Amino acid sequence: MRLLVNGEPTVLEPAPANVAELLVQLRLPHERVAVELNGEIVTRAERAARAVHDGDSVEVVTLVGGG
């Protein structure tokens, strides 16, 4: 599957079925990221239900705390 992840062309095999699987393949922590799929925010509750398709554009932002 070919995706655009944070502006970078990315090929993933096996193809993730949904956003939750995509985050696992990208080795990103589920609890500390915000995800946008084709311009739409995907909430944590929606990640397992939102399908990922060849050619999709995904933006992933890691949340960092500090002071």
Protein backbone atom coordinates (compact mmCIF):
# COMPACT_ATOMS: atom_id res chain seq x y z
CA MET A 1 0.00 0.00 0.00
CA ARG A 2 1.26 3.45 -0.89
CA LEU A 3 0.44 6.32 1.44
CA LEU A 4 1.60 9.86 1.97
CA VAL A 5 2.62 10.02 5.65
CA ASN A 6 3.50 13.48 6.95
CA GLY A 7 4.23 14.54 3.39
CA GLU A 8 6.55 11.60 2.66
CA PRO A 9 5.68 8.83 0.19
CA THR A 10 5.53 5.60 2.21
CA VAL A 11 5.04 1.98 1.12
CA LEU A 12 3.67 -0.41 3.75
CA GLU A 13 3.48 -4.19 3.42
CA PRO A 14 1.38 -5.82 4.60
CA ALA A 15 -1.19 -3.11 4.02
CA PRO A 16 -2.84 -1.85 7.22
CA ALA A 17 -6.62 -2.25 7.25
CA ASN A 18 -7.30 0.75 9.47
CA VAL A 19 -5.71 3.70 11.24
CA ALA A 20 -5.01 1.68 14.41
CA GLU A 21 -3.02 -0.90 12.41
CA LEU A 22 -1.21 1.90 10.58
CA LEU A 23 0.01 3.37 13.87
CA VAL A 24 1.30 -0.06 14.94
CA GLN A 25 3.21 -0.47 11.67
CA LEU A 26 4.69 3.00 12.01
CA ARG A 27 5.66 2.14 15.63
CA LEU A 28 3.87 5.16 17.04
CA PRO A 29 2.28 5.28 20.52
CA HIS A 30 -1.50 5.21 20.16
CA GLU A 31 -2.12 7.30 23.26
CA ARG A 32 0.13 10.25 22.39
CA VAL A 33 -0.59 11.05 18.75
CA ALA A 34 -3.17 13.00 16.80
CA VAL A 35 -4.12 11.60 13.39
CA GLU A 36 -5.58 13.26 10.31
CA LEU A 37 -6.69 11.08 7.39
CA ASN A 38 -7.32 12.87 4.09
CA GLY A 39 -7.86 16.16 5.91
CA GLU A 40 -10.21 14.80 8.59
CA ILE A 41 -9.29 14.32 12.25
CA VAL A 42 -9.56 10.68 13.37
CA THR A 43 -10.38 10.36 17.07
CA ARG A 44 -8.93 7.56 19.20
CA ALA A 45 -12.35 5.92 19.33
CA GLU A 46 -12.58 5.89 15.51
CA ARG A 47 -9.10 4.54 14.71
CA ALA A 48 -10.02 0.84 14.50
CA ALA A 49 -13.08 1.60 12.35
CA ARG A 50 -11.48 4.06 9.89
CA ALA A 51 -10.19 2.18 6.86
CA VAL A 52 -6.94 3.14 5.16
CA HIS A 53 -6.77 2.96 1.35
CA ASP A 54 -3.99 3.07 -1.21
CA GLY A 55 -3.15 6.69 -1.98
CA ASP A 56 -4.48 8.14 1.28
CA SER A 57 -2.78 11.10 2.92
CA VAL A 58 -2.06 10.73 6.64
CA GLU A 59 -0.70 13.34 9.03
CA VAL A 60 0.47 12.11 12.43
CA VAL A 61 1.49 14.53 15.16
CA THR A 62 3.20 13.31 18.31
CA LEU A 63 2.12 15.14 21.46
CA VAL A 64 4.94 16.27 23.73
CA GLY A 65 4.57 17.71 27.20
CA GLY A 66 6.99 19.82 29.14
CA GLY A 67 7.45 23.00 30.93
